[in-house]
Amino acid sequence: MVTVRFVAEREHGALSSVAVAPAAGPPLMVLLVSAALLVAGALVWRRQRWPWLLVGTAIMVLGSLVPIPVESGAVTNAFELVLLVAILATKHAQDRVDVADAER
């Protein structure tokens, strides 16, 4: 069993919990979800000719990998916002196609 100890920390006025000994590398869940989104994005691009899920996921992954010399972790959140917009745009585009198919 793995035991993780946390301490309270304030960053820019927000209280958060931080592991005393942070794990090396990115979390496994983040890697798996990113890989699944990249595969889904490639499939959507191939089958529906809609590249934006793949592009949004790639921007989020690459943006998270590149170290940016900013004190705040909010920059990473901006890349996650790009991914969320790409997911919503993809869903909207698919819904439009479904409605058009239903009207035929």
Protein backbone atom coordinates (compact mmCIF):
# COMPACT_ATOMS: atom_id res chain seq x y z
CA MET A 1 0.00 0.00 0.00
CA VAL A 2 1.30 3.44 -0.92
CA THR A 3 0.90 6.18 1.67
CA VAL A 4 0.89 9.78 0.51
CA ARG A 5 1.18 12.61 3.03
CA PHE A 6 -0.28 16.03 2.27
CA VAL A 7 0.31 19.49 3.71
CA ALA A 8 -1.79 22.64 3.34
CA GLU A 9 -0.28 25.32 1.12
CA ARG A 10 -1.44 28.73 -0.06
CA GLU A 11 -0.70 29.89 -3.60
CA HIS A 12 -1.96 33.28 -4.80
CA GLY A 13 -4.53 33.35 -2.00
CA ALA A 14 -5.95 29.88 -2.69
CA LEU A 15 -5.61 27.04 -0.22
CA SER A 16 -4.65 23.67 -1.65
CA SER A 17 -3.25 20.33 -0.55
CA VAL A 18 0.21 19.39 -1.79
CA ALA A 19 1.96 16.05 -1.44
CA VAL A 20 4.98 16.23 0.87
CA ALA A 21 6.99 14.10 -1.58
CA PRO A 22 5.54 14.74 -5.04
CA ALA A 23 5.51 11.84 -7.50
CA ALA A 24 8.09 11.77 -10.25
CA GLY A 25 6.62 12.48 -13.66
CA PRO A 26 3.03 13.05 -14.71
CA PRO A 27 0.20 11.05 -13.13
CA LEU A 28 -0.71 7.80 -14.89
CA MET A 29 -4.36 8.84 -15.21
CA VAL A 30 -3.39 12.00 -17.12
CA LEU A 31 -1.26 9.96 -19.53
CA LEU A 32 -4.03 7.42 -20.16
CA VAL A 33 -6.74 10.03 -20.70
CA SER A 34 -4.48 12.05 -23.00
CA ALA A 35 -3.67 8.94 -25.04
CA ALA A 36 -7.38 8.07 -25.33
CA LEU A 37 -8.22 11.63 -26.44
CA LEU A 38 -5.43 11.57 -29.04
CA VAL A 39 -6.74 8.28 -30.46
CA ALA A 40 -10.33 9.57 -30.42
CA GLY A 41 -9.22 12.80 -32.09
CA ALA A 42 -7.43 10.89 -34.84
CA LEU A 43 -10.52 8.71 -35.43
CA VAL A 44 -12.86 11.70 -35.56
CA TRP A 45 -10.54 13.46 -38.01
CA ARG A 46 -10.33 10.38 -40.22
CA ARG A 47 -14.02 9.45 -40.19
CA GLN A 48 -15.70 12.85 -39.93
CA ARG A 49 -12.99 15.14 -41.31
CA TRP A 50 -13.02 17.18 -38.09
CA PRO A 51 -9.42 17.75 -36.85
CA TRP A 52 -10.18 20.00 -33.88
CA LEU A 53 -10.40 17.35 -31.16
CA LEU A 54 -6.96 16.07 -32.16
CA VAL A 55 -5.57 19.62 -32.43
CA GLY A 56 -6.97 20.67 -29.04
CA THR A 57 -5.62 17.55 -27.36
CA ALA A 58 -2.20 17.99 -28.96
CA ILE A 59 -2.05 21.63 -27.84
CA MET A 60 -2.93 20.61 -24.27
CA VAL A 61 -0.35 17.81 -24.18
CA LEU A 62 2.44 19.86 -25.76
CA GLY A 63 1.63 22.89 -23.63
CA SER A 64 1.84 20.80 -20.49
CA LEU A 65 5.19 19.31 -21.52
CA VAL A 66 6.92 22.62 -22.28
CA PRO A 67 8.22 24.35 -19.15
CA ILE A 68 6.93 27.93 -19.07
CA PRO A 69 8.78 30.34 -16.77
CA VAL A 70 5.69 31.68 -14.98
CA GLU A 71 5.18 31.43 -11.22
CA SER A 72 1.51 30.47 -11.51
CA GLY A 73 0.14 27.11 -12.60
CA ALA A 74 -2.67 28.94 -14.38
CA VAL A 75 -0.85 28.67 -17.72
CA THR A 76 -1.47 24.93 -17.68
CA ASN A 77 -5.14 25.66 -17.04
CA ALA A 78 -5.20 27.74 -20.24
CA PHE A 79 -4.11 24.67 -22.21
CA GLU A 80 -6.85 22.65 -20.52
CA LEU A 81 -9.34 25.36 -21.55
CA VAL A 82 -8.21 24.90 -25.17
CA LEU A 83 -8.94 21.18 -24.83
CA LEU A 84 -12.40 21.85 -23.34
CA VAL A 85 -13.28 24.22 -26.19
CA ALA A 86 -12.13 21.59 -28.71
CA ILE A 87 -14.29 18.92 -27.03
CA LEU A 88 -17.35 21.20 -26.99
CA ALA A 89 -16.82 22.24 -30.61
CA THR A 90 -16.51 18.59 -31.63
CA LYS A 91 -19.72 17.68 -29.80
CA HIS A 92 -21.54 20.64 -31.38
CA ALA A 93 -20.35 19.65 -34.86
CA GLN A 94 -21.46 16.05 -34.33
CA ASP A 95 -24.87 17.17 -33.06
CA ARG A 96 -25.35 19.33 -36.17
CA VAL A 97 -24.61 16.33 -38.38
CA ASP A 98 -27.06 14.17 -36.38
CA VAL A 99 -29.84 16.76 -36.78
CA ALA A 100 -29.17 17.08 -40.52
CA ASP A 101 -29.29 13.28 -40.91
CA ALA A 102 -32.54 13.06 -38.93
CA GLU A 103 -34.20 15.66 -41.16
CA ARG A 104 -33.54 13.67 -44.34
